[in-house]
């Protein structure tokens, strides 16, 4: 029985990458803004958003998801990000 295409690790990887990029862009933050808030090197954000990572650890996901939004709607939460994947 063939695997469902949306269940493949490659598809999930691409969807997670796209979702992080979308959420950052919607928040009005630049990659440098996010990197500064998380005390990360900007290259790490670029690698995450372009899919150049092989394994994103749970701590990185937790660090990324509570980045405050510049919009009045508030904060981006992990369940929102992970539910979309």
N, C-alpha and C. Protein backbone atom coordinates (compact mmCIF):
# COMPACT_ATOMS: atom_id res chain seq x y z
N UNK A 1 0.85 -1.17 0.00
CA UNK A 1 0.00 0.00 0.00
C UNK A 1 0.90 1.24 0.00
N UNK A 2 0.74 2.14 -0.97
CA UNK A 2 1.58 3.33 -1.02
C UNK A 2 1.26 4.30 0.12
N UNK A 3 2.30 4.98 0.56
CA UNK A 3 2.13 5.98 1.63
C UNK A 3 1.35 7.18 1.09
N UNK A 4 0.61 7.81 1.95
CA UNK A 4 -0.10 9.02 1.56
C UNK A 4 0.93 10.11 1.30
N UNK A 5 0.83 10.82 0.19
CA UNK A 5 1.85 11.81 -0.14
C UNK A 5 2.00 12.91 0.90
N UNK A 6 0.91 13.31 1.56
CA UNK A 6 1.01 14.38 2.54
C UNK A 6 1.60 13.90 3.86
N UNK A 7 1.79 12.60 3.98
CA UNK A 7 2.37 12.03 5.19
C UNK A 7 3.87 11.82 5.06
N UNK A 8 4.41 11.96 3.87
CA UNK A 8 5.83 11.69 3.68
C UNK A 8 6.66 12.73 4.43
N UNK A 9 7.80 12.34 4.94
CA UNK A 9 8.65 13.29 5.66
C UNK A 9 9.04 14.50 4.81
N UNK A 10 9.24 14.30 3.53
CA UNK A 10 9.63 15.41 2.66
C UNK A 10 8.51 16.45 2.57
N UNK A 11 7.30 16.01 2.41
CA UNK A 11 6.16 16.93 2.32
C UNK A 11 5.97 17.65 3.65
N UNK A 12 6.05 16.93 4.75
CA UNK A 12 5.90 17.56 6.06
C UNK A 12 7.01 18.58 6.31
N UNK A 13 8.21 18.25 5.90
CA UNK A 13 9.36 19.15 6.02
C UNK A 13 9.10 20.44 5.26
N UNK A 14 8.64 20.32 4.03
CA UNK A 14 8.37 21.50 3.20
C UNK A 14 7.23 22.33 3.77
N UNK A 15 6.21 21.68 4.28
CA UNK A 15 5.07 22.41 4.85
C UNK A 15 5.47 23.16 6.11
N UNK A 16 6.27 22.54 6.96
CA UNK A 16 6.71 23.20 8.18
C UNK A 16 7.59 24.40 7.84
N UNK A 17 8.49 24.22 6.91
CA UNK A 17 9.36 25.31 6.45
C UNK A 17 8.53 26.47 5.93
N UNK A 18 7.56 26.18 5.08
CA UNK A 18 6.72 27.22 4.51
C UNK A 18 5.88 27.91 5.58
N UNK A 19 5.42 27.16 6.56
CA UNK A 19 4.59 27.74 7.62
C UNK A 19 5.41 28.68 8.50
N UNK A 20 6.62 28.31 8.85
CA UNK A 20 7.47 29.22 9.62
C UNK A 20 7.74 30.50 8.84
N UNK A 21 8.03 30.37 7.56
CA UNK A 21 8.31 31.54 6.71
C UNK A 21 7.07 32.44 6.63
N UNK A 22 5.90 31.83 6.45
CA UNK A 22 4.66 32.59 6.34
C UNK A 22 4.35 33.34 7.64
N UNK A 23 4.49 32.65 8.76
CA UNK A 23 4.20 33.28 10.05
C UNK A 23 5.14 34.44 10.34
N UNK A 24 6.41 34.28 10.00
CA UNK A 24 7.36 35.37 10.22
C UNK A 24 7.00 36.56 9.34
N UNK A 25 6.71 36.28 8.08
CA UNK A 25 6.37 37.36 7.15
C UNK A 25 5.09 38.08 7.57
N UNK A 26 4.09 37.33 8.00
CA UNK A 26 2.82 37.93 8.45
C UNK A 26 3.00 38.78 9.70
N UNK A 27 3.98 38.42 10.53
CA UNK A 27 4.20 39.17 11.76
C UNK A 27 4.88 40.50 11.50
N UNK A 28 5.41 40.67 10.27
CA UNK A 28 6.09 41.91 9.94
C UNK A 28 7.53 41.95 10.39
N UNK A 29 8.04 40.81 10.85
CA UNK A 29 9.42 40.74 11.32
C UNK A 29 10.35 40.28 10.21
N UNK A 30 11.56 40.79 10.23
CA UNK A 30 12.57 40.31 9.29
C UNK A 30 13.28 39.11 9.92
N UNK A 31 14.06 38.42 9.12
CA UNK A 31 14.83 37.30 9.65
C UNK A 31 15.79 37.80 10.73
N UNK A 32 16.38 38.96 10.51
CA UNK A 32 17.28 39.53 11.51
C UNK A 32 16.55 39.86 12.81
N UNK A 33 15.31 40.35 12.71
CA UNK A 33 14.51 40.64 13.90
C UNK A 33 14.31 39.37 14.73
N UNK A 34 13.90 38.30 14.05
CA UNK A 34 13.64 37.04 14.75
C UNK A 34 14.93 36.50 15.36
N UNK A 35 16.01 36.53 14.60
CA UNK A 35 17.29 36.04 15.10
C UNK A 35 17.72 36.82 16.34
N UNK A 36 17.54 38.13 16.30
CA UNK A 36 17.91 38.95 17.45
C UNK A 36 17.09 38.64 18.68
N UNK A 37 15.79 38.43 18.49
CA UNK A 37 14.91 38.12 19.63
C UNK A 37 15.22 36.76 20.24
N UNK A 38 15.70 35.83 19.41
CA UNK A 38 15.98 34.48 19.90
C UNK A 38 17.45 34.27 20.24
N UNK A 39 18.25 35.30 20.02
CA UNK A 39 19.69 35.22 20.24
C UNK A 39 20.31 34.11 19.38
N UNK A 40 19.85 34.05 18.14
CA UNK A 40 20.37 33.11 17.15
C UNK A 40 21.11 33.88 16.08
N UNK A 41 21.93 33.18 15.32
CA UNK A 41 22.57 33.79 14.16
C UNK A 41 21.52 33.87 13.05
N UNK A 42 21.48 34.97 12.29
CA UNK A 42 20.47 35.09 11.21
C UNK A 42 20.53 33.94 10.19
N UNK A 43 21.69 33.34 10.03
CA UNK A 43 21.82 32.22 9.10
C UNK A 43 20.95 31.04 9.52
N UNK A 44 20.76 30.86 10.82
CA UNK A 44 19.93 29.76 11.30
C UNK A 44 18.48 29.95 10.84
N UNK A 45 17.98 31.18 10.91
CA UNK A 45 16.62 31.46 10.45
C UNK A 45 16.52 31.20 8.95
N UNK A 46 17.51 31.65 8.21
CA UNK A 46 17.52 31.43 6.76
C UNK A 46 17.50 29.95 6.44
N UNK A 47 18.31 29.17 7.13
CA UNK A 47 18.35 27.72 6.88
C UNK A 47 17.01 27.06 7.19
N UNK A 48 16.38 27.49 8.26
CA UNK A 48 15.07 26.92 8.62
C UNK A 48 14.04 27.27 7.55
N UNK A 49 14.01 28.53 7.14
CA UNK A 49 13.00 28.98 6.17
C UNK A 49 13.23 28.48 4.76
N UNK A 50 14.44 28.10 4.43
CA UNK A 50 14.71 27.61 3.08
C UNK A 50 14.79 26.08 3.03
N UNK A 51 14.55 25.44 4.16
CA UNK A 51 14.54 23.98 4.18
C UNK A 51 15.90 23.35 4.19
N UNK A 52 16.92 24.09 4.55
CA UNK A 52 18.28 23.55 4.56
C UNK A 52 18.64 22.95 5.91
N UNK A 53 17.68 22.40 6.59
CA UNK A 53 17.94 21.73 7.85
C UNK A 53 17.51 20.27 7.70
N UNK A 54 18.16 19.40 8.41
CA UNK A 54 17.81 17.99 8.32
C UNK A 54 16.95 17.55 9.49
N UNK A 55 17.17 18.17 10.63
CA UNK A 55 16.36 17.83 11.79
C UNK A 55 16.22 19.07 12.66
N UNK A 56 15.02 19.53 12.80
CA UNK A 56 14.73 20.68 13.64
C UNK A 56 14.35 20.14 15.01
N UNK A 57 15.07 20.55 16.04
CA UNK A 57 14.76 19.98 17.35
C UNK A 57 13.58 20.71 17.98
N UNK A 58 12.98 20.07 18.96
CA UNK A 58 11.78 20.59 19.59
C UNK A 58 12.05 21.94 20.26
N UNK A 59 13.23 22.12 20.81
CA UNK A 59 13.55 23.40 21.45
C UNK A 59 13.52 24.54 20.42
N UNK A 60 14.04 24.28 19.21
CA UNK A 60 14.00 25.30 18.17
C UNK A 60 12.56 25.65 17.80
N UNK A 61 11.71 24.65 17.71
CA UNK A 61 10.30 24.89 17.39
C UNK A 61 9.66 25.71 18.50
N UNK A 62 9.93 25.36 19.74
CA UNK A 62 9.38 26.13 20.87
C UNK A 62 9.89 27.56 20.86
N UNK A 63 11.16 27.72 20.55
CA UNK A 63 11.74 29.07 20.51
C UNK A 63 11.11 29.91 19.39
N UNK A 64 10.85 29.28 18.26
CA UNK A 64 10.32 30.01 17.11
C UNK A 64 8.85 30.39 17.28
N UNK A 65 8.07 29.55 17.85
CA UNK A 65 6.63 29.77 17.84
C UNK A 65 6.11 30.88 18.75
N UNK A 66 6.76 31.21 19.88
CA UNK A 66 6.19 32.29 20.68
C UNK A 66 6.67 33.69 20.32
N UNK A 67 7.27 33.85 19.15
CA UNK A 67 7.75 35.18 18.76
C UNK A 67 6.54 36.11 18.68
N UNK A 68 6.56 37.19 19.44
CA UNK A 68 5.41 38.10 19.44
C UNK A 68 5.18 38.71 18.07
N UNK A 69 3.94 38.84 17.73
CA UNK A 69 3.55 39.45 16.48
C UNK A 69 3.47 40.96 16.65
N UNK A 70 3.70 41.68 15.57
CA UNK A 70 3.55 43.13 15.63
C UNK A 70 2.08 43.53 15.47
N UNK A 71 1.26 42.55 15.15
CA UNK A 71 -0.17 42.81 14.98
C UNK A 71 -0.88 42.72 16.32
N UNK A 72 -2.03 43.37 16.47
CA UNK A 72 -2.75 43.34 17.74
C UNK A 72 -3.24 41.94 18.11
N UNK A 73 -3.26 41.01 17.16
CA UNK A 73 -3.79 39.68 17.45
C UNK A 73 -2.93 38.93 18.46
N UNK A 74 -1.70 39.38 18.71
CA UNK A 74 -0.90 38.77 19.76
C UNK A 74 0.20 37.87 19.27
N UNK A 75 0.27 36.71 19.90
CA UNK A 75 1.40 35.83 19.70
C UNK A 75 1.04 34.63 18.83
N UNK A 76 2.04 34.12 18.14
CA UNK A 76 1.91 32.91 17.36
C UNK A 76 2.20 31.76 18.31
N UNK A 77 1.37 30.74 18.33
CA UNK A 77 1.57 29.64 19.25
C UNK A 77 1.93 28.36 18.54
N UNK A 78 2.61 27.48 19.24
CA UNK A 78 3.04 26.21 18.67
C UNK A 78 1.87 25.41 18.08
N UNK A 79 0.74 25.30 18.77
CA UNK A 79 -0.36 24.52 18.18
C UNK A 79 -0.79 25.05 16.81
N UNK A 80 -0.77 26.37 16.61
CA UNK A 80 -1.15 26.91 15.31
C UNK A 80 -0.18 26.46 14.23
N UNK A 81 1.09 26.50 14.53
CA UNK A 81 2.11 26.11 13.55
C UNK A 81 2.02 24.62 13.27
N UNK A 82 1.98 23.82 14.33
CA UNK A 82 2.02 22.37 14.16
C UNK A 82 0.71 21.82 13.61
N UNK A 83 -0.39 22.49 13.87
CA UNK A 83 -1.68 22.03 13.33
C UNK A 83 -1.73 22.20 11.82
N UNK A 84 -0.98 23.14 11.32
CA UNK A 84 -0.97 23.39 9.88
C UNK A 84 -0.10 22.40 9.13
N UNK A 85 0.68 21.63 9.86
CA UNK A 85 1.61 20.69 9.21
C UNK A 85 0.99 19.32 9.13
